[in-house]
């Protein structure tokens, strides 16, 4: 891998490459976690809506999703 330093392209050291790969892996994990949390929230909202329409009791988490 290469990097730009003072308008010059130089080769990255093994440590820099490893650090960059670790940063990329962390970013991917964080994005996957964010997407999973978003999906869970959307599913909870859908469950709350279905229960409201059916006249069923909501769980506390479901009720919290619809409180403004």
Protein backbone atom coordinates (compact mmCIF):
# COMPACT_ATOMS: atom_id res chain seq x y z
CA UNK A 1 0.00 0.00 0.00
CA UNK A 2 1.07 3.54 -0.58
CA UNK A 3 0.34 6.84 1.10
CA UNK A 4 0.71 10.49 0.21
CA UNK A 5 3.08 12.51 2.40
CA UNK A 6 4.16 16.04 1.49
CA UNK A 7 2.88 15.53 -2.06
CA UNK A 8 5.02 12.40 -2.47
CA UNK A 9 3.73 8.87 -2.78
CA UNK A 10 5.64 6.53 -0.48
CA UNK A 11 5.27 2.88 0.49
CA UNK A 12 3.55 2.17 3.82
CA UNK A 13 5.37 0.13 6.47
CA UNK A 14 4.04 -3.25 7.56
CA UNK A 15 2.85 -1.69 10.82
CA UNK A 16 0.98 1.05 8.97
CA UNK A 17 -0.65 -1.50 6.68
CA UNK A 18 -1.70 -3.62 9.67
CA UNK A 19 -3.10 -0.57 11.46
CA UNK A 20 -5.04 0.49 8.36
CA UNK A 21 -6.50 -3.00 7.92
CA UNK A 22 -7.51 -3.05 11.60
CA UNK A 23 -9.23 0.34 11.17
CA UNK A 24 -11.10 -0.95 8.12
CA UNK A 25 -12.22 -4.08 10.00
CA UNK A 26 -13.43 -1.96 12.92
CA UNK A 27 -15.35 0.34 10.58
CA UNK A 28 -17.03 -2.64 8.92
CA UNK A 29 -18.00 -4.08 12.32
CA UNK A 30 -19.44 -0.74 13.44
CA UNK A 31 -21.46 -0.41 10.23
CA UNK A 32 -22.80 -3.95 10.58
CA UNK A 33 -23.77 -3.24 14.19
CA UNK A 34 -25.50 -0.01 13.20
CA UNK A 35 -27.43 -1.77 10.46
CA UNK A 36 -28.45 -4.57 12.84
CA UNK A 37 -29.67 -2.05 15.41
CA UNK A 38 -31.64 -0.18 12.74
CA UNK A 39 -33.25 -3.41 11.53
CA UNK A 40 -34.15 -4.39 15.09
CA UNK A 41 -35.73 -0.97 15.68
CA UNK A 42 -37.74 -1.21 12.45
CA UNK A 43 -38.91 -4.71 13.37
CA UNK A 44 -39.96 -3.52 16.83
CA UNK A 45 -41.95 -0.65 15.29
CA UNK A 46 -43.64 -3.04 12.87
CA UNK A 47 -44.52 -5.38 15.74
CA UNK A 48 -45.97 -2.51 17.76
CA UNK A 49 -48.03 -1.33 14.82
CA UNK A 50 -49.39 -4.83 14.16
CA UNK A 51 -50.33 -5.25 17.83
CA UNK A 52 -52.06 -1.87 17.92
CA UNK A 53 -54.08 -2.74 14.84
CA UNK A 54 -55.00 -6.12 16.33
CA UNK A 55 -55.85 -4.56 19.71
CA UNK A 56 -53.20 -6.57 21.57
CA UNK A 57 -51.14 -5.38 24.52
CA UNK A 58 -47.74 -3.91 23.73
CA UNK A 59 -44.48 -4.71 25.44
CA UNK A 60 -42.66 -1.84 27.14
CA UNK A 61 -40.10 -1.67 24.32
CA UNK A 62 -42.85 -1.55 21.70
CA UNK A 63 -44.64 1.21 23.59
CA UNK A 64 -41.39 3.18 23.86
CA UNK A 65 -40.95 3.10 20.07
CA UNK A 66 -44.22 4.90 19.45
CA UNK A 67 -44.03 7.48 22.25
CA UNK A 68 -42.99 10.84 20.81
